[in-house]
N, C-alpha and C. Protein backbone atom coordinates (compact mmCIF):
# COMPACT_ATOMS: atom_id res chain seq x y z
N MET A 1 25.66 5.05 -3.26
CA MET A 1 26.11 4.94 -1.86
C MET A 1 25.09 5.63 -0.97
N PRO A 2 24.55 4.94 0.04
CA PRO A 2 23.51 5.54 0.88
C PRO A 2 24.05 6.73 1.66
N ILE A 3 23.20 7.72 1.85
CA ILE A 3 23.62 8.93 2.55
C ILE A 3 23.12 8.94 4.00
N GLY A 4 22.34 7.93 4.39
CA GLY A 4 21.82 7.89 5.74
C GLY A 4 20.64 8.83 5.90
N VAL A 5 20.27 9.09 7.14
CA VAL A 5 19.14 9.97 7.43
C VAL A 5 19.61 11.42 7.29
N PRO A 6 18.94 12.21 6.45
CA PRO A 6 19.35 13.63 6.29
C PRO A 6 19.22 14.39 7.60
N LYS A 7 20.07 15.38 7.79
CA LYS A 7 19.99 16.27 8.94
C LYS A 7 19.55 17.66 8.50
N VAL A 8 18.73 18.27 9.31
CA VAL A 8 18.20 19.60 9.00
C VAL A 8 18.35 20.48 10.23
N PRO A 9 18.44 21.81 10.03
CA PRO A 9 18.52 22.71 11.19
C PRO A 9 17.18 22.82 11.89
N TYR A 10 17.21 22.77 13.21
CA TYR A 10 15.97 22.86 13.98
C TYR A 10 16.29 23.55 15.30
N ARG A 11 15.50 24.58 15.62
CA ARG A 11 15.71 25.31 16.87
C ARG A 11 14.78 24.76 17.94
N ILE A 12 15.36 24.14 18.93
CA ILE A 12 14.60 23.61 20.05
C ILE A 12 14.07 24.77 20.87
N PRO A 13 12.79 24.74 21.23
CA PRO A 13 12.23 25.84 22.04
C PRO A 13 13.10 26.14 23.26
N GLY A 14 13.45 27.43 23.41
CA GLY A 14 14.31 27.84 24.52
C GLY A 14 15.74 28.06 24.11
N ASP A 15 16.17 27.44 23.00
CA ASP A 15 17.53 27.63 22.51
C ASP A 15 17.60 28.86 21.61
N GLU A 16 18.73 29.52 21.61
CA GLU A 16 18.90 30.71 20.78
C GLU A 16 19.24 30.35 19.35
N GLU A 17 19.94 29.27 19.14
CA GLU A 17 20.38 28.91 17.80
C GLU A 17 19.88 27.51 17.45
N ALA A 18 19.72 27.31 16.14
CA ALA A 18 19.29 26.01 15.64
C ALA A 18 20.45 25.01 15.68
N THR A 19 20.13 23.76 15.87
CA THR A 19 21.11 22.70 15.81
C THR A 19 20.71 21.72 14.71
N TRP A 20 21.68 20.97 14.22
CA TRP A 20 21.41 20.01 13.16
C TRP A 20 20.96 18.70 13.78
N VAL A 21 19.75 18.30 13.43
CA VAL A 21 19.20 17.04 13.94
C VAL A 21 18.67 16.24 12.76
N ASP A 22 18.47 14.94 12.96
CA ASP A 22 18.00 14.13 11.84
C ASP A 22 16.55 14.49 11.49
N LEU A 23 16.23 14.34 10.22
CA LEU A 23 14.95 14.78 9.67
C LEU A 23 13.77 14.19 10.44
N TYR A 24 13.81 12.89 10.74
CA TYR A 24 12.67 12.25 11.36
C TYR A 24 12.46 12.74 12.80
N ASN A 25 13.55 13.11 13.46
CA ASN A 25 13.42 13.70 14.79
C ASN A 25 12.62 14.98 14.73
N VAL A 26 12.90 15.80 13.72
CA VAL A 26 12.16 17.05 13.54
C VAL A 26 10.69 16.74 13.26
N MET A 27 10.44 15.78 12.37
CA MET A 27 9.06 15.46 12.00
C MET A 27 8.28 14.93 13.20
N TYR A 28 8.92 14.11 14.03
CA TYR A 28 8.24 13.60 15.22
C TYR A 28 7.83 14.75 16.13
N ARG A 29 8.71 15.74 16.28
CA ARG A 29 8.39 16.89 17.12
C ARG A 29 7.20 17.66 16.57
N GLU A 30 6.97 17.55 15.26
CA GLU A 30 5.83 18.22 14.63
C GLU A 30 4.63 17.27 14.49
N ARG A 31 4.67 16.16 15.23
CA ARG A 31 3.55 15.21 15.31
C ARG A 31 3.29 14.51 13.97
N THR A 32 4.37 14.26 13.24
CA THR A 32 4.28 13.61 11.93
C THR A 32 5.09 12.32 11.97
N LEU A 33 4.42 11.18 11.74
CA LEU A 33 5.04 9.86 11.81
C LEU A 33 5.05 9.22 10.43
N PHE A 34 5.95 8.25 10.26
CA PHE A 34 6.09 7.59 8.98
C PHE A 34 6.11 6.07 9.14
N LEU A 35 5.26 5.41 8.37
CA LEU A 35 5.31 3.95 8.23
C LEU A 35 5.76 3.68 6.80
N GLY A 36 7.06 3.49 6.63
CA GLY A 36 7.62 3.38 5.29
C GLY A 36 8.36 2.08 5.07
N GLN A 37 7.93 1.03 5.74
CA GLN A 37 8.61 -0.26 5.60
C GLN A 37 7.63 -1.37 5.93
N GLU A 38 8.11 -2.60 5.84
CA GLU A 38 7.28 -3.74 6.20
C GLU A 38 6.93 -3.68 7.67
N ILE A 39 5.72 -4.06 8.01
CA ILE A 39 5.23 -3.94 9.38
C ILE A 39 5.75 -5.12 10.20
N ARG A 40 6.63 -4.83 11.12
CA ARG A 40 7.22 -5.81 12.02
C ARG A 40 7.21 -5.25 13.43
N CYS A 41 7.65 -6.04 14.40
CA CYS A 41 7.58 -5.64 15.80
C CYS A 41 8.33 -4.33 16.07
N GLU A 42 9.51 -4.18 15.49
CA GLU A 42 10.32 -3.01 15.80
C GLU A 42 9.64 -1.71 15.37
N ILE A 43 9.16 -1.65 14.13
CA ILE A 43 8.51 -0.43 13.66
C ILE A 43 7.18 -0.23 14.38
N THR A 44 6.50 -1.32 14.74
CA THR A 44 5.25 -1.21 15.49
C THR A 44 5.49 -0.58 16.85
N ASN A 45 6.50 -1.06 17.57
CA ASN A 45 6.81 -0.50 18.88
C ASN A 45 7.22 0.96 18.76
N HIS A 46 7.94 1.27 17.69
CA HIS A 46 8.40 2.64 17.46
C HIS A 46 7.20 3.57 17.27
N ILE A 47 6.28 3.20 16.38
CA ILE A 47 5.14 4.06 16.06
C ILE A 47 4.16 4.15 17.22
N THR A 48 3.85 3.01 17.84
CA THR A 48 2.90 3.06 18.95
C THR A 48 3.46 3.84 20.13
N GLY A 49 4.75 3.70 20.38
CA GLY A 49 5.37 4.47 21.46
C GLY A 49 5.29 5.96 21.21
N LEU A 50 5.56 6.37 19.96
CA LEU A 50 5.47 7.79 19.63
C LEU A 50 4.05 8.31 19.74
N MET A 51 3.07 7.51 19.30
CA MET A 51 1.67 7.93 19.40
C MET A 51 1.28 8.16 20.86
N VAL A 52 1.66 7.23 21.72
CA VAL A 52 1.31 7.36 23.14
C VAL A 52 2.01 8.59 23.73
N TYR A 53 3.29 8.77 23.42
CA TYR A 53 4.03 9.92 23.95
C TYR A 53 3.42 11.23 23.48
N LEU A 54 3.13 11.34 22.18
CA LEU A 54 2.56 12.57 21.65
C LEU A 54 1.17 12.83 22.24
N SER A 55 0.43 11.77 22.51
CA SER A 55 -0.89 11.93 23.13
C SER A 55 -0.76 12.45 24.55
N ILE A 56 0.24 11.97 25.28
CA ILE A 56 0.47 12.46 26.65
C ILE A 56 0.93 13.92 26.61
N GLU A 57 1.79 14.24 25.66
CA GLU A 57 2.33 15.59 25.55
C GLU A 57 1.25 16.60 25.17
N ASP A 58 0.36 16.20 24.24
CA ASP A 58 -0.71 17.06 23.78
C ASP A 58 -1.85 16.17 23.32
N GLY A 59 -2.91 16.13 24.10
CA GLY A 59 -4.02 15.22 23.82
C GLY A 59 -5.04 15.78 22.85
N ILE A 60 -4.78 16.96 22.29
CA ILE A 60 -5.75 17.61 21.40
C ILE A 60 -5.27 17.69 19.95
N SER A 61 -4.05 18.15 19.75
CA SER A 61 -3.54 18.37 18.39
C SER A 61 -3.46 17.07 17.61
N ASP A 62 -3.79 17.13 16.32
CA ASP A 62 -3.81 15.95 15.47
C ASP A 62 -2.41 15.36 15.30
N ILE A 63 -2.39 14.07 15.02
CA ILE A 63 -1.16 13.36 14.65
C ILE A 63 -1.31 12.92 13.20
N PHE A 64 -0.22 13.01 12.44
CA PHE A 64 -0.24 12.68 11.02
C PHE A 64 0.63 11.45 10.77
N LEU A 65 0.03 10.41 10.18
CA LEU A 65 0.75 9.17 9.89
C LEU A 65 0.81 8.97 8.38
N PHE A 66 1.99 9.12 7.81
CA PHE A 66 2.20 8.87 6.39
C PHE A 66 2.53 7.39 6.18
N ILE A 67 1.89 6.78 5.19
CA ILE A 67 2.01 5.33 4.98
C ILE A 67 2.52 5.04 3.57
N ASN A 68 3.58 4.27 3.49
CA ASN A 68 4.08 3.73 2.23
C ASN A 68 4.67 2.36 2.55
N SER A 69 3.80 1.36 2.63
CA SER A 69 4.21 0.06 3.19
C SER A 69 3.57 -1.08 2.42
N PRO A 70 4.31 -2.19 2.24
CA PRO A 70 3.74 -3.37 1.59
C PRO A 70 2.93 -4.25 2.53
N GLY A 71 2.76 -3.82 3.78
CA GLY A 71 2.04 -4.65 4.75
C GLY A 71 3.01 -5.41 5.63
N GLY A 72 2.52 -6.45 6.27
CA GLY A 72 3.39 -7.21 7.16
C GLY A 72 2.60 -8.06 8.15
N TRP A 73 3.14 -8.18 9.34
CA TRP A 73 2.58 -9.09 10.33
C TRP A 73 1.20 -8.63 10.80
N LEU A 74 0.31 -9.61 10.94
CA LEU A 74 -1.06 -9.34 11.36
C LEU A 74 -1.12 -8.65 12.73
N ILE A 75 -0.54 -9.27 13.72
CA ILE A 75 -0.67 -8.77 15.09
C ILE A 75 0.01 -7.41 15.23
N SER A 76 1.12 -7.21 14.57
CA SER A 76 1.79 -5.92 14.62
C SER A 76 0.92 -4.83 14.02
N GLY A 77 0.28 -5.12 12.88
CA GLY A 77 -0.61 -4.15 12.27
C GLY A 77 -1.81 -3.85 13.15
N MET A 78 -2.34 -4.88 13.79
CA MET A 78 -3.49 -4.68 14.67
C MET A 78 -3.09 -3.85 15.90
N ALA A 79 -1.85 -3.98 16.36
CA ALA A 79 -1.39 -3.20 17.50
C ALA A 79 -1.37 -1.71 17.15
N ILE A 80 -0.90 -1.38 15.94
CA ILE A 80 -0.91 0.02 15.52
C ILE A 80 -2.34 0.53 15.39
N PHE A 81 -3.22 -0.29 14.77
CA PHE A 81 -4.62 0.09 14.60
C PHE A 81 -5.27 0.36 15.96
N ASP A 82 -5.08 -0.54 16.93
CA ASP A 82 -5.71 -0.38 18.24
C ASP A 82 -5.17 0.85 18.97
N THR A 83 -3.87 1.13 18.83
CA THR A 83 -3.30 2.32 19.46
C THR A 83 -3.92 3.58 18.87
N MET A 84 -4.15 3.59 17.56
CA MET A 84 -4.77 4.74 16.91
C MET A 84 -6.16 5.00 17.46
N GLN A 85 -6.88 3.93 17.81
CA GLN A 85 -8.23 4.10 18.34
C GLN A 85 -8.21 4.49 19.82
N THR A 86 -7.09 4.27 20.48
CA THR A 86 -7.01 4.49 21.92
C THR A 86 -6.54 5.89 22.29
N VAL A 87 -5.54 6.41 21.57
CA VAL A 87 -5.01 7.73 21.92
C VAL A 87 -6.06 8.80 21.68
N THR A 88 -5.97 9.89 22.41
CA THR A 88 -7.01 10.93 22.34
C THR A 88 -6.93 11.83 21.10
N PRO A 89 -5.74 12.16 20.56
CA PRO A 89 -5.74 13.00 19.36
C PRO A 89 -6.31 12.25 18.15
N ASP A 90 -6.87 13.00 17.21
CA ASP A 90 -7.27 12.41 15.93
C ASP A 90 -6.02 12.04 15.14
N ILE A 91 -6.11 10.92 14.42
CA ILE A 91 -4.99 10.47 13.60
C ILE A 91 -5.36 10.65 12.12
N TYR A 92 -4.61 11.49 11.43
CA TYR A 92 -4.70 11.54 9.98
C TYR A 92 -3.88 10.38 9.43
N THR A 93 -4.43 9.61 8.51
CA THR A 93 -3.64 8.62 7.78
C THR A 93 -3.54 9.07 6.33
N ILE A 94 -2.32 9.08 5.81
CA ILE A 94 -2.06 9.63 4.48
C ILE A 94 -1.24 8.61 3.70
N CYS A 95 -1.82 8.06 2.64
CA CYS A 95 -1.13 7.06 1.83
C CYS A 95 -0.43 7.71 0.66
N LEU A 96 0.85 7.47 0.55
CA LEU A 96 1.61 7.83 -0.63
C LEU A 96 2.43 6.61 -1.03
N GLY A 97 2.48 6.31 -2.31
CA GLY A 97 3.13 5.06 -2.72
C GLY A 97 2.12 3.93 -2.65
N ILE A 98 2.26 3.07 -1.64
CA ILE A 98 1.36 1.93 -1.53
C ILE A 98 0.98 1.67 -0.07
N ALA A 99 -0.25 1.23 0.11
CA ALA A 99 -0.70 0.71 1.41
C ALA A 99 -1.34 -0.63 1.11
N ALA A 100 -0.59 -1.70 1.31
CA ALA A 100 -1.05 -3.04 0.95
C ALA A 100 -1.28 -3.87 2.20
N SER A 101 -2.26 -4.77 2.11
CA SER A 101 -2.50 -5.73 3.18
C SER A 101 -2.73 -5.02 4.51
N MET A 102 -1.93 -5.31 5.53
CA MET A 102 -2.14 -4.69 6.85
C MET A 102 -1.91 -3.19 6.82
N ALA A 103 -1.14 -2.69 5.88
CA ALA A 103 -0.97 -1.24 5.76
C ALA A 103 -2.27 -0.56 5.35
N SER A 104 -3.09 -1.25 4.53
CA SER A 104 -4.39 -0.69 4.18
C SER A 104 -5.32 -0.71 5.38
N PHE A 105 -5.15 -1.70 6.25
CA PHE A 105 -5.94 -1.78 7.48
C PHE A 105 -5.61 -0.60 8.39
N ILE A 106 -4.34 -0.24 8.46
CA ILE A 106 -3.92 0.91 9.26
C ILE A 106 -4.41 2.20 8.62
N LEU A 107 -4.32 2.29 7.30
CA LEU A 107 -4.86 3.45 6.59
C LEU A 107 -6.33 3.64 6.92
N LEU A 108 -7.07 2.55 6.93
CA LEU A 108 -8.50 2.57 7.25
C LEU A 108 -8.75 3.05 8.67
N GLY A 109 -7.77 2.84 9.55
CA GLY A 109 -7.95 3.15 10.97
C GLY A 109 -7.83 4.61 11.33
N GLY A 110 -7.52 5.47 10.36
CA GLY A 110 -7.47 6.89 10.64
C GLY A 110 -8.83 7.44 11.02
N GLU A 111 -8.83 8.63 11.59
CA GLU A 111 -10.09 9.26 11.97
C GLU A 111 -10.97 9.44 10.74
N PRO A 112 -12.24 9.00 10.78
CA PRO A 112 -13.13 9.22 9.64
C PRO A 112 -13.15 10.68 9.24
N THR A 113 -13.13 10.91 7.93
CA THR A 113 -13.00 12.22 7.25
C THR A 113 -11.55 12.67 7.19
N LYS A 114 -10.61 11.95 7.83
CA LYS A 114 -9.21 12.36 7.85
C LYS A 114 -8.30 11.27 7.30
N ARG A 115 -8.84 10.47 6.39
CA ARG A 115 -8.06 9.41 5.73
C ARG A 115 -7.85 9.84 4.29
N ILE A 116 -6.58 9.98 3.89
CA ILE A 116 -6.24 10.61 2.63
C ILE A 116 -5.34 9.68 1.81
N ALA A 117 -5.53 9.69 0.50
CA ALA A 117 -4.62 8.99 -0.42
C ALA A 117 -4.13 9.99 -1.45
N PHE A 118 -2.83 9.99 -1.70
CA PHE A 118 -2.29 10.83 -2.76
C PHE A 118 -2.79 10.32 -4.11
N PRO A 119 -2.84 11.19 -5.11
CA PRO A 119 -3.47 10.82 -6.39
C PRO A 119 -2.93 9.55 -7.03
N HIS A 120 -1.63 9.27 -6.92
CA HIS A 120 -1.06 8.10 -7.58
C HIS A 120 -0.77 6.96 -6.61
N ALA A 121 -1.34 7.02 -5.42
CA ALA A 121 -1.17 5.94 -4.45
C ALA A 121 -1.93 4.70 -4.89
N ARG A 122 -1.48 3.55 -4.40
CA ARG A 122 -2.17 2.29 -4.65
C ARG A 122 -2.51 1.65 -3.31
N ILE A 123 -3.72 1.15 -3.20
CA ILE A 123 -4.18 0.50 -1.98
C ILE A 123 -4.59 -0.92 -2.34
N MET A 124 -4.18 -1.88 -1.52
CA MET A 124 -4.46 -3.28 -1.84
C MET A 124 -5.04 -4.02 -0.64
N LEU A 125 -6.12 -4.75 -0.90
CA LEU A 125 -6.73 -5.62 0.09
C LEU A 125 -6.40 -7.07 -0.22
N HIS A 126 -6.18 -7.86 0.80
CA HIS A 126 -6.22 -9.31 0.64
C HIS A 126 -6.37 -9.96 2.01
N GLN A 127 -6.66 -11.23 2.01
CA GLN A 127 -6.93 -11.92 3.26
C GLN A 127 -5.63 -12.16 4.03
N PRO A 128 -5.72 -12.18 5.36
CA PRO A 128 -4.53 -12.46 6.17
C PRO A 128 -4.04 -13.88 5.91
N ALA A 129 -2.72 -14.05 5.99
CA ALA A 129 -2.11 -15.36 5.74
C ALA A 129 -1.24 -15.75 6.93
N SER A 130 -1.00 -17.03 7.06
CA SER A 130 -0.17 -17.55 8.14
C SER A 130 1.28 -17.65 7.69
N ALA A 131 2.18 -17.51 8.65
CA ALA A 131 3.62 -17.62 8.34
C ALA A 131 4.20 -18.92 8.86
N TYR A 132 3.36 -19.85 9.28
CA TYR A 132 3.87 -21.04 9.95
C TYR A 132 3.39 -22.33 9.29
N TYR A 133 3.47 -22.38 7.99
CA TYR A 133 2.98 -23.55 7.27
C TYR A 133 3.79 -24.80 7.54
N ARG A 134 4.98 -24.69 8.13
CA ARG A 134 5.80 -25.86 8.38
C ARG A 134 5.49 -26.51 9.73
N ALA A 135 4.53 -25.98 10.43
CA ALA A 135 4.17 -26.55 11.72
C ALA A 135 3.60 -27.96 11.54
N ARG A 136 3.68 -28.76 12.60
CA ARG A 136 3.10 -30.10 12.56
C ARG A 136 1.58 -29.99 12.45
N THR A 137 0.94 -31.05 12.00
CA THR A 137 -0.49 -31.00 11.68
C THR A 137 -1.37 -30.49 12.82
N PRO A 138 -1.25 -31.00 14.06
CA PRO A 138 -2.13 -30.50 15.13
C PRO A 138 -2.00 -29.00 15.35
N GLU A 139 -0.73 -28.51 15.38
CA GLU A 139 -0.50 -27.09 15.57
C GLU A 139 -1.02 -26.30 14.38
N PHE A 140 -0.86 -26.86 13.19
CA PHE A 140 -1.33 -26.17 11.98
C PHE A 140 -2.85 -26.00 12.02
N LEU A 141 -3.57 -27.04 12.45
CA LEU A 141 -5.02 -26.96 12.50
C LEU A 141 -5.48 -25.92 13.51
N LEU A 142 -4.79 -25.85 14.65
CA LEU A 142 -5.11 -24.82 15.63
C LEU A 142 -4.84 -23.43 15.07
N GLU A 143 -3.77 -23.33 14.33
CA GLU A 143 -3.42 -22.04 13.75
C GLU A 143 -4.44 -21.61 12.70
N VAL A 144 -4.92 -22.56 11.91
CA VAL A 144 -5.93 -22.24 10.91
C VAL A 144 -7.20 -21.72 11.58
N GLU A 145 -7.58 -22.33 12.68
CA GLU A 145 -8.77 -21.88 13.41
C GLU A 145 -8.58 -20.46 13.93
N GLU A 146 -7.39 -20.17 14.48
CA GLU A 146 -7.11 -18.83 14.98
C GLU A 146 -7.08 -17.82 13.83
N LEU A 147 -6.49 -18.23 12.71
CA LEU A 147 -6.42 -17.34 11.54
C LEU A 147 -7.82 -17.02 11.03
N HIS A 148 -8.70 -18.00 11.08
CA HIS A 148 -10.08 -17.77 10.65
C HIS A 148 -10.76 -16.73 11.54
N LYS A 149 -10.52 -16.81 12.84
CA LYS A 149 -11.10 -15.83 13.77
C LYS A 149 -10.57 -14.42 13.48
N VAL A 150 -9.26 -14.32 13.25
CA VAL A 150 -8.66 -13.02 12.97
C VAL A 150 -9.18 -12.47 11.65
N ARG A 151 -9.31 -13.34 10.66
CA ARG A 151 -9.82 -12.90 9.36
C ARG A 151 -11.22 -12.33 9.49
N GLU A 152 -12.08 -13.01 10.26
CA GLU A 152 -13.45 -12.54 10.44
C GLU A 152 -13.47 -11.19 11.16
N MET A 153 -12.59 -11.03 12.15
CA MET A 153 -12.53 -9.78 12.89
C MET A 153 -12.09 -8.63 11.98
N ILE A 154 -11.04 -8.88 11.18
CA ILE A 154 -10.55 -7.85 10.28
C ILE A 154 -11.61 -7.50 9.24
N THR A 155 -12.28 -8.51 8.72
CA THR A 155 -13.33 -8.27 7.73
C THR A 155 -14.44 -7.40 8.31
N ARG A 156 -14.80 -7.65 9.57
CA ARG A 156 -15.85 -6.85 10.22
C ARG A 156 -15.42 -5.40 10.37
N VAL A 157 -14.15 -5.18 10.67
CA VAL A 157 -13.66 -3.81 10.81
C VAL A 157 -13.70 -3.10 9.45
N TYR A 158 -13.24 -3.78 8.40
CA TYR A 158 -13.33 -3.19 7.05
C TYR A 158 -14.78 -2.85 6.71
N ALA A 159 -15.70 -3.78 6.99
CA ALA A 159 -17.11 -3.56 6.67
C ALA A 159 -17.67 -2.38 7.45
N LEU A 160 -17.35 -2.32 8.73
CA LEU A 160 -17.88 -1.25 9.58
C LEU A 160 -17.38 0.12 9.14
N ARG A 161 -16.08 0.20 8.82
CA ARG A 161 -15.49 1.51 8.54
C ARG A 161 -15.63 1.95 7.09
N THR A 162 -15.94 1.01 6.20
CA THR A 162 -16.18 1.39 4.80
C THR A 162 -17.66 1.51 4.48
N GLY A 163 -18.51 0.89 5.31
CA GLY A 163 -19.93 0.89 5.02
C GLY A 163 -20.35 -0.20 4.05
N LYS A 164 -19.41 -1.06 3.66
CA LYS A 164 -19.73 -2.16 2.75
C LYS A 164 -20.33 -3.34 3.52
N PRO A 165 -21.21 -4.12 2.89
CA PRO A 165 -21.71 -5.33 3.55
C PRO A 165 -20.56 -6.29 3.86
N PHE A 166 -20.72 -7.04 4.93
CA PHE A 166 -19.69 -7.99 5.34
C PHE A 166 -19.34 -8.96 4.22
N TRP A 167 -20.36 -9.47 3.52
CA TRP A 167 -20.11 -10.48 2.49
C TRP A 167 -19.34 -9.89 1.31
N VAL A 168 -19.55 -8.63 1.01
CA VAL A 168 -18.82 -7.98 -0.08
C VAL A 168 -17.34 -7.91 0.25
N VAL A 169 -17.03 -7.44 1.46
CA VAL A 169 -15.64 -7.33 1.88
C VAL A 169 -15.00 -8.72 1.94
N SER A 170 -15.75 -9.70 2.45
CA SER A 170 -15.22 -11.06 2.58
C SER A 170 -14.85 -11.63 1.21
N GLU A 171 -15.71 -11.42 0.22
CA GLU A 171 -15.42 -11.91 -1.13
C GLU A 171 -14.23 -11.18 -1.73
N ASP A 172 -14.15 -9.87 -1.51
CA ASP A 172 -13.03 -9.10 -2.05
C ASP A 172 -11.71 -9.54 -1.45
N MET A 173 -11.72 -9.96 -0.20
CA MET A 173 -10.49 -10.36 0.46
C MET A 173 -10.03 -11.76 0.07
N GLU A 174 -10.81 -12.45 -0.75
CA GLU A 174 -10.40 -13.77 -1.24
C GLU A 174 -9.26 -13.67 -2.24
N ARG A 175 -9.04 -12.50 -2.78
CA ARG A 175 -7.98 -12.30 -3.78
C ARG A 175 -7.35 -10.93 -3.55
N ASP A 176 -6.21 -10.69 -4.19
CA ASP A 176 -5.58 -9.38 -4.10
C ASP A 176 -6.39 -8.39 -4.93
N VAL A 177 -6.83 -7.30 -4.28
CA VAL A 177 -7.60 -6.27 -4.95
C VAL A 177 -6.82 -4.97 -4.87
N PHE A 178 -6.28 -4.53 -6.01
CA PHE A 178 -5.55 -3.28 -6.07
C PHE A 178 -6.49 -2.16 -6.48
N MET A 179 -6.37 -1.03 -5.81
CA MET A 179 -7.23 0.11 -6.09
C MET A 179 -6.39 1.37 -6.27
N SER A 180 -6.88 2.24 -7.15
CA SER A 180 -6.31 3.58 -7.25
C SER A 180 -6.84 4.40 -6.08
N ALA A 181 -6.34 5.62 -5.94
CA ALA A 181 -6.83 6.50 -4.87
C ALA A 181 -8.33 6.76 -5.02
N ASP A 182 -8.76 7.01 -6.24
CA ASP A 182 -10.19 7.27 -6.48
C ASP A 182 -11.03 6.04 -6.18
N GLU A 183 -10.54 4.87 -6.57
CA GLU A 183 -11.27 3.63 -6.29
C GLU A 183 -11.34 3.35 -4.79
N ALA A 184 -10.24 3.64 -4.09
CA ALA A 184 -10.23 3.45 -2.64
C ALA A 184 -11.21 4.39 -1.96
N LYS A 185 -11.35 5.61 -2.50
CA LYS A 185 -12.33 6.54 -1.94
C LYS A 185 -13.75 6.02 -2.18
N ALA A 186 -14.01 5.54 -3.39
CA ALA A 186 -15.34 5.01 -3.70
C ALA A 186 -15.66 3.80 -2.82
N TYR A 187 -14.64 3.02 -2.48
CA TYR A 187 -14.83 1.82 -1.65
C TYR A 187 -15.05 2.19 -0.19
N GLY A 188 -14.55 3.36 0.21
CA GLY A 188 -14.69 3.79 1.59
C GLY A 188 -13.44 3.62 2.42
N LEU A 189 -12.33 3.23 1.79
CA LEU A 189 -11.08 3.06 2.53
C LEU A 189 -10.47 4.39 2.91
N VAL A 190 -10.64 5.40 2.06
CA VAL A 190 -10.17 6.75 2.36
C VAL A 190 -11.33 7.72 2.13
N ASP A 191 -11.19 8.90 2.66
CA ASP A 191 -12.23 9.90 2.54
C ASP A 191 -11.93 10.95 1.48
N ILE A 192 -10.64 11.16 1.22
CA ILE A 192 -10.23 12.26 0.35
C ILE A 192 -9.06 11.80 -0.51
N VAL A 193 -9.05 12.22 -1.76
CA VAL A 193 -7.89 12.06 -2.64
C VAL A 193 -7.08 13.35 -2.55
N GLY A 194 -5.77 13.22 -2.47
CA GLY A 194 -4.90 14.36 -2.16
C GLY A 194 -5.12 15.58 -3.04
N ASP A 195 -5.33 15.40 -4.34
CA ASP A 195 -5.49 16.56 -5.20
C ASP A 195 -6.77 17.33 -4.89
N GLU A 196 -7.77 16.65 -4.30
CA GLU A 196 -8.98 17.35 -3.89
C GLU A 196 -8.67 18.32 -2.76
N MET A 197 -7.79 17.91 -1.84
CA MET A 197 -7.42 18.79 -0.74
C MET A 197 -6.64 19.99 -1.27
N ILE A 198 -5.77 19.77 -2.26
CA ILE A 198 -5.00 20.87 -2.83
C ILE A 198 -5.94 21.87 -3.48
N ASP A 199 -6.91 21.37 -4.26
CA ASP A 199 -7.88 22.26 -4.89
C ASP A 199 -8.70 23.02 -3.86
N LYS A 200 -9.10 22.32 -2.80
CA LYS A 200 -9.96 22.92 -1.79
C LYS A 200 -9.25 24.04 -1.06
N HIS A 201 -7.94 23.87 -0.81
CA HIS A 201 -7.20 24.82 0.00
C HIS A 201 -6.19 25.62 -0.82
N CYS A 202 -6.40 25.71 -2.13
CA CYS A 202 -5.42 26.38 -2.98
C CYS A 202 -5.28 27.86 -2.63
N ASP A 203 -6.31 28.47 -2.05
CA ASP A 203 -6.26 29.88 -1.70
C ASP A 203 -6.12 30.09 -0.19
N THR A 204 -5.92 29.00 0.55
CA THR A 204 -5.80 29.10 2.00
C THR A 204 -4.65 28.23 2.47
N ASP A 205 -4.42 28.24 3.77
CA ASP A 205 -3.38 27.38 4.33
C ASP A 205 -3.76 25.92 4.18
N PRO A 206 -2.78 25.04 3.97
CA PRO A 206 -3.07 23.60 3.89
C PRO A 206 -3.34 23.03 5.28
N VAL A 207 -4.57 23.20 5.78
CA VAL A 207 -4.87 22.86 7.16
C VAL A 207 -4.79 21.37 7.43
N TRP A 208 -4.71 20.56 6.39
CA TRP A 208 -4.65 19.11 6.61
C TRP A 208 -3.23 18.63 6.80
N PHE A 209 -2.22 19.57 6.76
CA PHE A 209 -0.84 19.23 7.06
C PHE A 209 -0.47 19.82 8.41
N PRO A 210 0.59 19.34 9.00
CA PRO A 210 1.03 19.90 10.28
C PRO A 210 1.38 21.38 10.18
N GLU A 211 1.46 22.03 11.33
CA GLU A 211 1.75 23.46 11.39
C GLU A 211 3.03 23.81 10.66
N MET A 212 4.02 22.93 10.71
CA MET A 212 5.32 23.27 10.15
C MET A 212 5.26 23.48 8.65
N PHE A 213 4.21 22.93 7.95
CA PHE A 213 4.13 23.05 6.51
C PHE A 213 3.41 24.32 6.07
N LYS A 214 2.86 25.09 7.02
CA LYS A 214 2.04 26.22 6.63
C LYS A 214 2.85 27.36 6.01
N ASP A 215 4.14 27.37 6.20
CA ASP A 215 4.96 28.42 5.60
C ASP A 215 5.54 27.99 4.26
N TRP A 216 5.23 26.76 3.84
CA TRP A 216 5.81 26.26 2.59
C TRP A 216 5.09 26.86 1.40
């Protein structure tokens, strides 16, 4: 039986006592966001809205985006990616579980040197696909042309941010390519594997996590 969103005690600045609020509300206040579902308009609007709000509230402190998603709609994923490039704070992207398809594109969109994969995470590349195969022939042909343009644009972004030649990325996107965290690092999709950060900061504060985790 589902238990819903857990509630945790949180003291709002200025209040004398803590109140029980839902977990994600607390995490948002600590500049920590979660993409834990298929990428659709609703979650895209939710995440982009929070990024813009947090950027207005504090344009310097980093934002942390945890990703565990099978991917989803092309345009929705691109909207999150573009917002990440637009807001002034640096965006940490942290993959745990899986970042497949457009979720790997969002993972790639984190600030260079601040893209992380947990040791047992899986990252998957593949080419964008259309959802409108039942369209009539003229519309389908127009859609194929548009899809080709989007595919080329996405491939160029992967190539630019990974340092791989365009043709290498293009060939890899012809099929589903699953990678471990270490393989994703070697490919250039992420900069750090999570256990490396733990080893690096084992005697110091985990500076790659939000402030709220420093007492853990």
